[in-house]
Every structure is written in C-alpha cells, then in structure tokens.
C-alpha cells in the first residue's frame, strides 16, 4: 500500500521531491526554506507548503 509520499531510498523526502510535488524548481523551494518567501508568488508559496506537509519534509 502506498502512503502517497515520494521519497528517496533512505525514506526521507528531499528538496527535489518537494519541488516535483509543488511543480516548481529546487531553487524556489530553497528560497522558501531559507526565508526568502518575498521572492515567491502567493500561489507558489502555498504549493510548496502543501508539498512539505504531504511529504512530511524535514531539512537535514
């Protein structure tokens, strides 16, 4: 049974996984995570946040 979480072999979600789910690039996800949200549209911020929650993403 699938949990709906796209992760690498280690079982941890990556920035690439978040970007894929949010339909954006790794740079945008990195900007979001590093507090540069003012550079992103409201729609993109929402998609990234939803992907982070869906994947239970935790920065290393």
PDB file of N, CA and C in Angstrom:
ATOM      1  N   UNK A   1       0.847  -1.180   0.000  1.00  0.00           N
ATOM      2  CA  UNK A   1       0.000   0.000   0.000  1.00  0.00           C
ATOM      3  C   UNK A   1       0.886   1.233   0.000  1.00  0.00           C
ATOM      4  N   UNK A   2       0.596   2.180  -0.834  1.00  0.00           N
ATOM      5  CA  UNK A   2       1.374   3.408  -0.949  1.00  0.00           C
ATOM      6  C   UNK A   2       0.890   4.445   0.052  1.00  0.00           C
ATOM      7  N   UNK A   3       1.854   5.171   0.642  1.00  0.00           N
ATOM      8  CA  UNK A   3       1.498   6.235   1.582  1.00  0.00           C
ATOM      9  C   UNK A   3       1.302   7.565   0.882  1.00  0.00           C
ATOM     10  N   UNK A   4       1.623   7.607  -0.419  1.00  0.00           N
ATOM     11  CA  UNK A   4       1.498   8.851  -1.157  1.00  0.00           C
ATOM     12  C   UNK A   4       2.703   9.750  -1.003  1.00  0.00           C
ATOM     13  N   UNK A   5       3.721   9.257  -0.319  1.00  0.00           N
ATOM     14  CA  UNK A   5       4.927  10.044  -0.107  1.00  0.00           C
ATOM     15  C   UNK A   5       6.000   9.618  -1.092  1.00  0.00           C
ATOM     16  N   UNK A   6       6.515  10.567  -1.859  1.00  0.00           N
ATOM     17  CA  UNK A   6       7.605  10.300  -2.796  1.00  0.00           C
ATOM     18  C   UNK A   6       8.912  10.594  -2.085  1.00  0.00           C
ATOM     19  N   UNK A   7       9.718   9.568  -1.847  1.00  0.00           N
ATOM     20  CA  UNK A   7      10.966   9.756  -1.130  1.00  0.00           C
ATOM     21  C   UNK A   7      12.082   8.984  -1.790  1.00  0.00           C
ATOM     22  N   UNK A   8      13.305   9.308  -1.399  1.00  0.00           N
ATOM     23  CA  UNK A   8      14.440   8.560  -1.919  1.00  0.00           C
ATOM     24  C   UNK A   8      14.589   7.263  -1.132  1.00  0.00           C
ATOM     25  N   UNK A   9      15.577   6.460  -1.467  1.00  0.00           N
ATOM     26  CA  UNK A   9      15.756   5.140  -0.867  1.00  0.00           C
ATOM     27  C   UNK A   9      15.880   5.193   0.651  1.00  0.00           C
ATOM     28  N   UNK A  10      16.440   6.267   1.203  1.00  0.00           N
ATOM     29  CA  UNK A  10      16.610   6.375   2.654  1.00  0.00           C
ATOM     30  C   UNK A  10      15.288   6.597   3.376  1.00  0.00           C
ATOM     31  N   UNK A  11      14.229   6.901   2.634  1.00  0.00           N
ATOM     32  CA  UNK A  11      12.933   7.134   3.248  1.00  0.00           C
ATOM     33  C   UNK A  11      12.672   8.584   3.603  1.00  0.00           C
ATOM     34  N   UNK A  12      13.663   9.459   3.386  1.00  0.00           N
ATOM     35  CA  UNK A  12      13.498  10.881   3.686  1.00  0.00           C
ATOM     36  C   UNK A  12      13.205  11.652   2.412  1.00  0.00           C
ATOM     37  N   UNK A  13      12.265  12.574   2.516  1.00  0.00           N
ATOM     38  CA  UNK A  13      11.952  13.433   1.372  1.00  0.00           C
ATOM     39  C   UNK A  13      13.091  14.427   1.154  1.00  0.00           C
ATOM     40  N   UNK A  14      13.309  14.787  -0.096  1.00  0.00           N
ATOM     41  CA  UNK A  14      14.359  15.736  -0.459  1.00  0.00           C
ATOM     42  C   UNK A  14      13.739  17.018  -1.016  1.00  0.00           C
ATOM     43  N   UNK A  15      14.571  18.036  -1.184  1.00  0.00           N
ATOM     44  CA  UNK A  15      14.112  19.275  -1.819  1.00  0.00           C
ATOM     45  C   UNK A  15      13.594  18.970  -3.222  1.00  0.00           C
ATOM     46  N   UNK A  16      14.244  18.052  -3.903  1.00  0.00           N
ATOM     47  CA  UNK A  16      13.788  17.665  -5.247  1.00  0.00           C
ATOM     48  C   UNK A  16      12.390  17.065  -5.200  1.00  0.00           C
ATOM     49  N   UNK A  17      12.112  16.260  -4.182  1.00  0.00           N
ATOM     50  CA  UNK A  17      10.778  15.679  -4.024  1.00  0.00           C
ATOM     51  C   UNK A  17       9.740  16.779  -3.818  1.00  0.00           C
ATOM     52  N   UNK A  18      10.063  17.733  -2.948  1.00  0.00           N
ATOM     53  CA  UNK A  18       9.149  18.853  -2.685  1.00  0.00           C
ATOM     54  C   UNK A  18       8.908  19.640  -3.970  1.00  0.00           C
ATOM     55  N   UNK A  19       9.980  19.934  -4.693  1.00  0.00           N
ATOM     56  CA  UNK A  19       9.863  20.696  -5.939  1.00  0.00           C
ATOM     57  C   UNK A  19       8.989  19.969  -6.955  1.00  0.00           C
ATOM     58  N   UNK A  20       9.164  18.672  -7.053  1.00  0.00           N
ATOM     59  CA  UNK A  20       8.382  17.881  -8.003  1.00  0.00           C
ATOM     60  C   UNK A  20       6.893  17.938  -7.670  1.00  0.00           C
ATOM     61  N   UNK A  21       6.557  17.738  -6.417  1.00  0.00           N
ATOM     62  CA  UNK A  21       5.155  17.766  -5.990  1.00  0.00           C
ATOM     63  C   UNK A  21       4.561  19.166  -6.184  1.00  0.00           C
ATOM     64  N   UNK A  22       5.356  20.200  -5.882  1.00  0.00           N
ATOM     65  CA  UNK A  22       4.878  21.586  -5.983  1.00  0.00           C
ATOM     66  C   UNK A  22       4.930  22.120  -7.409  1.00  0.00           C
ATOM     67  N   UNK A  23       5.464  21.317  -8.326  1.00  0.00           N
ATOM     68  CA  UNK A  23       5.586  21.716  -9.735  1.00  0.00           C
ATOM     69  C   UNK A  23       6.399  23.008  -9.878  1.00  0.00           C
ATOM     70  N   UNK A  24       7.584  22.985  -9.257  1.00  0.00           N
ATOM     71  CA  UNK A  24       8.495  24.124  -9.329  1.00  0.00           C
ATOM     72  C   UNK A  24       9.924  23.605  -9.302  1.00  0.00           C
ATOM     73  N   UNK A  25      10.879  24.493  -9.232  1.00  0.00           N
ATOM     74  CA  UNK A  25      12.282  24.106  -9.205  1.00  0.00           C
ATOM     75  C   UNK A  25      12.838  24.049  -7.788  1.00  0.00           C
ATOM     76  N   UNK A  26      13.995  23.403  -7.660  1.00  0.00           N
ATOM     77  CA  UNK A  26      14.655  23.291  -6.360  1.00  0.00           C
ATOM     78  C   UNK A  26      15.044  24.661  -5.807  1.00  0.00           C
ATOM     79  N   UNK A  27      15.381  25.592  -6.692  1.00  0.00           N
ATOM     80  CA  UNK A  27      15.768  26.932  -6.246  1.00  0.00           C
ATOM     81  C   UNK A  27      14.615  27.617  -5.521  1.00  0.00           C
ATOM     82  N   UNK A  28      13.410  27.487  -6.042  1.00  0.00           N
ATOM     83  CA  UNK A  28      12.246  28.106  -5.392  1.00  0.00           C
ATOM     84  C   UNK A  28      11.989  27.491  -4.025  1.00  0.00           C
ATOM     85  N   UNK A  29      12.123  26.179  -3.919  1.00  0.00           N
ATOM     86  CA  UNK A  29      11.936  25.511  -2.626  1.00  0.00           C
ATOM     87  C   UNK A  29      13.013  25.980  -1.651  1.00  0.00           C
ATOM     88  N   UNK A  30      14.239  26.067  -2.111  1.00  0.00           N
ATOM     89  CA  UNK A  30      15.333  26.540  -1.266  1.00  0.00           C
ATOM     90  C   UNK A  30      15.074  27.963  -0.778  1.00  0.00           C
ATOM     91  N   UNK A  31      14.613  28.816  -1.656  1.00  0.00           N
ATOM     92  CA  UNK A  31      14.286  30.192  -1.263  1.00  0.00           C
ATOM     93  C   UNK A  31      13.208  30.197  -0.184  1.00  0.00           C
ATOM     94  N   UNK A  32      12.198  29.377  -0.363  1.00  0.00           N
ATOM     95  CA  UNK A  32      11.118  29.279   0.620  1.00  0.00           C
ATOM     96  C   UNK A  32      11.675  28.853   1.977  1.00  0.00           C
ATOM     97  N   UNK A  33      12.501  27.817   1.972  1.00  0.00           N
ATOM     98  CA  UNK A  33      13.043  27.271   3.216  1.00  0.00           C
ATOM     99  C   UNK A  33      14.026  28.221   3.896  1.00  0.00           C
ATOM    100  N   UNK A  34      14.668  29.078   3.122  1.00  0.00           N
ATOM    101  CA  UNK A  34      15.672  29.994   3.662  1.00  0.00           C
ATOM    102  C   UNK A  34      15.128  31.388   3.951  1.00  0.00           C
ATOM    103  N   UNK A  35      13.808  31.497   4.025  1.00  0.00           N
ATOM    104  CA  UNK A  35      13.201  32.755   4.439  1.00  0.00           C
ATOM    105  C   UNK A  35      13.134  33.828   3.375  1.00  0.00           C
ATOM    106  N   UNK A  36      13.231  33.450   2.128  1.00  0.00           N
ATOM    107  CA  UNK A  36      13.163  34.423   1.039  1.00  0.00           C
ATOM    108  C   UNK A  36      11.807  34.346   0.328  1.00  0.00           C
ATOM    109  N   UNK A  37      10.755  34.136   1.115  1.00  0.00           N
ATOM    110  CA  UNK A  37       9.413  33.972   0.553  1.00  0.00           C
ATOM    111  C   UNK A  37       8.942  35.199  -0.210  1.00  0.00           C
ATOM    112  N   UNK A  38       9.475  36.370   0.102  1.00  0.00           N
ATOM    113  CA  UNK A  38       9.050  37.594  -0.590  1.00  0.00           C
ATOM    114  C   UNK A  38       9.367  37.539  -2.085  1.00  0.00           C
ATOM    115  N   UNK A  39      10.230  36.618  -2.484  1.00  0.00           N
ATOM    116  CA  UNK A  39      10.579  36.462  -3.898  1.00  0.00           C
ATOM    117  C   UNK A  39       9.614  35.541  -4.646  1.00  0.00           C
ATOM    118  N   UNK A  40       8.688  34.909  -3.909  1.00  0.00           N
ATOM    119  CA  UNK A  40       7.792  33.909  -4.492  1.00  0.00           C
ATOM    120  C   UNK A  40       6.351  34.407  -4.499  1.00  0.00           C
ATOM    121  N   UNK A  41       5.586  33.942  -5.482  1.00  0.00           N
ATOM    122  CA  UNK A  41       4.163  34.295  -5.535  1.00  0.00           C
ATOM    123  C   UNK A  41       3.414  33.580  -4.409  1.00  0.00           C
ATOM    124  N   UNK A  42       2.260  34.126  -4.047  1.00  0.00           N
ATOM    125  CA  UNK A  42       1.440  33.501  -3.011  1.00  0.00           C
ATOM    126  C   UNK A  42       1.038  32.086  -3.407  1.00  0.00           C
ATOM    127  N   UNK A  43       0.693  31.894  -4.681  1.00  0.00           N
ATOM    128  CA  UNK A  43       0.307  30.572  -5.172  1.00  0.00           C
ATOM    129  C   UNK A  43       1.457  29.579  -5.013  1.00  0.00           C
ATOM    130  N   UNK A  44       2.654  29.995  -5.369  1.00  0.00           N
ATOM    131  CA  UNK A  44       3.811  29.111  -5.272  1.00  0.00           C
ATOM    132  C   UNK A  44       4.129  28.786  -3.818  1.00  0.00           C
ATOM    133  N   UNK A  45       4.053  29.765  -2.943  1.00  0.00           N
ATOM    134  CA  UNK A  45       4.295  29.510  -1.517  1.00  0.00           C
ATOM    135  C   UNK A  45       3.310  28.474  -0.983  1.00  0.00           C
ATOM    136  N   UNK A  46       2.064  28.578  -1.399  1.00  0.00           N
ATOM    137  CA  UNK A  46       1.042  27.637  -0.945  1.00  0.00           C
ATOM    138  C   UNK A  46       1.328  26.229  -1.466  1.00  0.00           C
ATOM    139  N   UNK A  47       1.720  26.109  -2.729  1.00  0.00           N
ATOM    140  CA  UNK A  47       2.034  24.788  -3.304  1.00  0.00           C
ATOM    141  C   UNK A  47       3.230  24.152  -2.603  1.00  0.00           C
ATOM    142  N   UNK A  48       4.242  24.957  -2.310  1.00  0.00           N
ATOM    143  CA  UNK A  48       5.425  24.432  -1.619  1.00  0.00           C
ATOM    144  C   UNK A  48       5.051  23.975  -0.215  1.00  0.00           C
ATOM    145  N   UNK A  49       4.296  24.779   0.519  1.00  0.00           N
ATOM    146  CA  UNK A  49       3.882  24.409   1.874  1.00  0.00           C
ATOM    147  C   UNK A  49       3.063  23.123   1.863  1.00  0.00           C
ATOM    148  N   UNK A  50       2.160  22.979   0.902  1.00  0.00           N
ATOM    149  CA  UNK A  50       1.359  21.758   0.807  1.00  0.00           C
ATOM    150  C   UNK A  50       2.240  20.547   0.519  1.00  0.00           C
ATOM    151  N   UNK A  51       3.222  20.707  -0.352  1.00  0.00           N
ATOM    152  CA  UNK A  51       4.136  19.605  -0.670  1.00  0.00           C
ATOM    153  C   UNK A  51       4.967  19.227   0.549  1.00  0.00           C
ATOM    154  N   UNK A  52       5.433  20.222   1.294  1.00  0.00           N
ATOM    155  CA  UNK A  52       6.209  19.960   2.512  1.00  0.00           C
ATOM    156  C   UNK A  52       5.373  19.152   3.496  1.00  0.00           C
ATOM    157  N   UNK A  53       4.135  19.535   3.673  1.00  0.00           N
ATOM    158  CA  UNK A  53       3.249  18.815   4.589  1.00  0.00           C
ATOM    159  C   UNK A  53       2.941  17.417   4.079  1.00  0.00           C
ATOM    160  N   UNK A  54       2.655  17.296   2.792  1.00  0.00           N
ATOM    161  CA  UNK A  54       2.321  15.998   2.206  1.00  0.00           C
ATOM    162  C   UNK A  54       3.470  15.010   2.379  1.00  0.00           C
ATOM    163  N   UNK A  55       4.688  15.489   2.184  1.00  0.00           N
ATOM    164  CA  UNK A  55       5.864  14.622   2.255  1.00  0.00           C
ATOM    165  C   UNK A  55       6.442  14.518   3.665  1.00  0.00           C
ATOM    166  N   UNK A  56       5.923  15.311   4.589  1.00  0.00           N
ATOM    167  CA  UNK A  56       6.498  15.402   5.937  1.00  0.00           C
ATOM    168  C   UNK A  56       7.981  15.744   5.835  1.00  0.00           C
ATOM    169  N   UNK A  57       8.288  16.709   4.971  1.00  0.00           N
ATOM    170  CA  UNK A  57       9.678  17.105   4.714  1.00  0.00           C
ATOM    171  C   UNK A  57      10.298  17.732   5.947  1.00  0.00           C
ATOM    172  N   UNK A  58      11.516  17.304   6.259  1.00  0.00           N
ATOM    173  CA  UNK A  58      12.311  17.873   7.345  1.00  0.00           C
ATOM    174  C   UNK A  58      13.704  18.151   6.814  1.00  0.00           C
ATOM    175  N   UNK A  59      14.157  19.410   6.885  1.00  0.00           N
ATOM    176  CA  UNK A  59      15.522  19.708   6.427  1.00  0.00           C
ATOM    177  C   UNK A  59      16.539  18.900   7.232  1.00  0.00           C
ATOM    178  N   UNK A  60      17.631  18.556   6.584  1.00  0.00           N
ATOM    179  CA  UNK A  60      18.653  17.770   7.291  1.00  0.00           C
ATOM    180  C   UNK A  60      19.537  18.658   8.132  1.00  0.00           C
TER     181      UNK A  60
END
